[in-house]
C-alpha atoms as a PDB file:
ATOM      1  CA  MET A   1      -1.244 162.120 175.166  1.00  0.00           C
ATOM      2  CA  GLY A   2       1.192 163.407 177.767  1.00  0.00           C
ATOM      3  CA  LEU A   3       1.776 161.478 180.974  1.00  0.00           C
ATOM      4  CA  LEU A   4       0.276 164.184 183.212  1.00  0.00           C
ATOM      5  CA  LYS A   5      -2.864 164.414 181.071  1.00  0.00           C
ATOM      6  CA  LYS A   6      -3.143 160.596 181.137  1.00  0.00           C
ATOM      7  CA  VAL A   7      -2.910 160.597 184.942  1.00  0.00           C
ATOM      8  CA  PHE A   8      -5.644 163.235 185.325  1.00  0.00           C
ATOM      9  CA  THR A   9      -7.863 161.490 182.766  1.00  0.00           C
ATOM     10  CA  ASN A  10      -7.524 158.285 184.764  1.00  0.00           C
ATOM     11  CA  CYS A  11      -8.586 160.090 187.935  1.00  0.00           C
ATOM     12  CA  ALA A  12     -11.903 160.998 186.336  1.00  0.00           C
ATOM     13  CA  CYS A  13     -12.502 157.782 184.388  1.00  0.00           C
ATOM     14  CA  PRO A  14      -9.942 155.034 185.044  1.00  0.00           C
ATOM     15  CA  GLN A  15      -9.091 152.950 181.971  1.00  0.00           C
ATOM     16  CA  GLY A  16      -6.593 150.244 181.153  1.00  0.00           C
ATOM     17  CA  ARG A  17      -3.483 149.335 183.124  1.00  0.00           C
ATOM     18  CA  MET A  18      -2.912 152.873 184.368  1.00  0.00           C
ATOM     19  CA  GLY A  19      -6.568 153.058 185.404  1.00  0.00           C
ATOM     20  CA  ARG A  20      -6.271 149.868 187.452  1.00  0.00           C
ATOM     21  CA  ALA A  21      -3.213 151.321 189.207  1.00  0.00           C
ATOM     22  CA  MET A  22      -5.129 154.565 189.820  1.00  0.00           C
ATOM     23  CA  LEU A  23      -8.031 152.633 191.384  1.00  0.00           C
ATOM     24  CA  LYS A  24      -5.674 150.889 193.820  1.00  0.00           C
ATOM     25  CA  PHE A  25      -4.115 154.238 194.693  1.00  0.00           C
ATOM     26  CA  MET A  26      -7.513 155.903 195.192  1.00  0.00           C
ATOM     27  CA  ASN A  27      -8.810 153.033 197.362  1.00  0.00           C
ATOM     28  CA  LEU A  28      -5.746 153.383 199.576  1.00  0.00           C
ATOM     29  CA  CYS A  29      -5.568 157.182 199.742  1.00  0.00           C
ATOM     30  CA  HIS A  30      -9.299 157.794 200.205  1.00  0.00           C
ATOM     31  CA  ALA A  31      -9.582 155.295 203.080  1.00  0.00           C
ATOM     32  CA  PRO A  32      -8.957 157.749 205.969  1.00  0.00           C
ATOM     33  CA  LEU A  33     -11.521 160.282 204.707  1.00  0.00           C
ATOM     34  CA  THR A  34     -14.059 157.564 203.877  1.00  0.00           C
ATOM     35  CA  ASN A  35     -13.705 155.945 207.297  1.00  0.00           C
ATOM     36  CA  TRP A  36     -14.100 159.338 208.987  1.00  0.00           C
ATOM     37  CA  GLY A  37     -17.256 160.096 206.986  1.00  0.00           C
ATOM     38  CA  LEU A  38     -18.815 156.698 207.605  1.00  0.00           C
ATOM     39  CA  LYS A  39     -18.344 157.133 211.362  1.00  0.00           C
ATOM     40  CA  LEU A  40     -20.641 160.165 211.158  1.00  0.00           C
ATOM     41  CA  VAL A  41     -23.536 158.107 209.752  1.00  0.00           C
ATOM     42  CA  ASN A  42     -25.592 155.859 212.013  1.00  0.00           C
ATOM     43  CA  ILE A  43     -25.711 152.987 209.514  1.00  0.00           C
ATOM     44  CA  GLN A  44     -28.407 150.437 210.329  1.00  0.00           C
ATOM     45  CA  ASP A  45     -28.638 146.733 209.498  1.00  0.00           C
ATOM     46  CA  GLY A  46     -30.785 145.926 206.493  1.00  0.00           C
ATOM     47  CA  TRP A  47     -30.396 149.266 204.762  1.00  0.00           C
ATOM     48  CA  THR A  48     -30.306 149.629 200.991  1.00  0.00           C
ATOM     49  CA  MET A  49     -27.438 151.924 199.982  1.00  0.00           C
ATOM     50  CA  LEU A  50     -26.032 153.338 196.735  1.00  0.00           C
ATOM     51  CA  ASP A  51     -22.429 154.435 196.235  1.00  0.00           C
ATOM     52  CA  ILE A  52     -22.374 156.814 193.271  1.00  0.00           C
ATOM     53  CA  GLY A  53     -18.884 156.860 191.794  1.00  0.00           C
ATOM     54  CA  CYS A  54     -17.941 153.594 193.506  1.00  0.00           C
ATOM     55  CA  GLY A  55     -14.420 153.550 192.052  1.00  0.00           C
ATOM     56  CA  GLY A  56     -12.603 150.362 192.978  1.00  0.00           C
ATOM     57  CA  GLY A  57     -15.260 149.217 195.439  1.00  0.00           C
ATOM     58  CA  ALA A  58     -13.471 149.837 198.742  1.00  0.00           C
ATOM     59  CA  THR A  59     -16.361 151.882 200.159  1.00  0.00           C
ATOM     60  CA  LEU A  60     -18.819 149.181 199.093  1.00  0.00           C
ATOM     61  CA  GLN A  61     -16.832 146.702 201.183  1.00  0.00           C
ATOM     62  CA  ARG A  62     -16.784 149.066 204.163  1.00  0.00           C
ATOM     63  CA  LEU A  63     -20.554 149.527 203.954  1.00  0.00           C
ATOM     64  CA  LEU A  64     -21.121 145.767 203.795  1.00  0.00           C
ATOM     65  CA  LYS A  65     -19.093 145.317 206.989  1.00  0.00           C
ATOM     66  CA  ARG A  66     -21.119 147.989 208.799  1.00  0.00           C
ATOM     67  CA  SER A  67     -24.625 146.822 207.867  1.00  0.00           C
ATOM     68  CA  GLU A  68     -25.633 143.189 208.234  1.00  0.00           C
ATOM     69  CA  GLY A  69     -28.253 142.020 205.747  1.00  0.00           C
ATOM     70  CA  SER A  70     -27.920 145.178 203.693  1.00  0.00           C
ATOM     71  CA  MET A  71     -28.149 145.675 199.942  1.00  0.00           C
ATOM     72  CA  ILE A  72     -25.242 147.738 198.662  1.00  0.00           C
ATOM     73  CA  TYR A  73     -25.127 148.997 195.079  1.00  0.00           C
ATOM     74  CA  GLY A  74     -22.369 150.848 193.272  1.00  0.00           C
ATOM     75  CA  ILE A  75     -22.340 152.707 189.978  1.00  0.00           C
ATOM     76  CA  ASP A  76     -19.499 154.400 188.148  1.00  0.00           C
ATOM     77  CA  ILE A  77     -18.873 155.981 184.753  1.00  0.00           C
ATOM     78  CA  SER A  78     -15.725 153.883 184.356  1.00  0.00           C
ATOM     79  CA  GLU A  79     -16.090 150.290 183.161  1.00  0.00           C
ATOM     80  CA  GLU A  80     -12.681 149.602 184.730  1.00  0.00           C
ATOM     81  CA  SER A  81     -13.991 150.802 188.101  1.00  0.00           C
ATOM     82  CA  VAL A  82     -17.099 148.640 187.899  1.00  0.00           C
ATOM     83  CA  ALA A  83     -15.021 145.587 186.981  1.00  0.00           C
ATOM     84  CA  LYS A  84     -12.657 146.202 189.936  1.00  0.00           C
ATOM     85  CA  ALA A  85     -15.561 146.728 192.335  1.00  0.00           C
ATOM     86  CA  LYS A  86     -17.204 143.479 191.167  1.00  0.00           C
ATOM     87  CA  ASN A  87     -13.953 141.554 191.703  1.00  0.00           C
ATOM     88  CA  SER A  88     -13.417 142.939 195.196  1.00  0.00           C
ATOM     89  CA  SER A  89     -16.740 141.575 196.511  1.00  0.00           C
END
């Protein structure tokens, strides 16, 4: 598999060492847009929230900081993403 194809595959479903690197990159690069979007939502304490496509878990952490006593869930197609999100909590 060519390097470019491997990079794009790991954007959709991060796997292995390259996938872990991609998750770090996505958490960092998506932060400005995520923070902007979360400012537009009047998040309340005690909410139950679901992050579909949770990636490396950075948004899960942001939601936890914005909602005391909340239940935050994340799902992702990538086992690598779920493992990273679990470790970042």
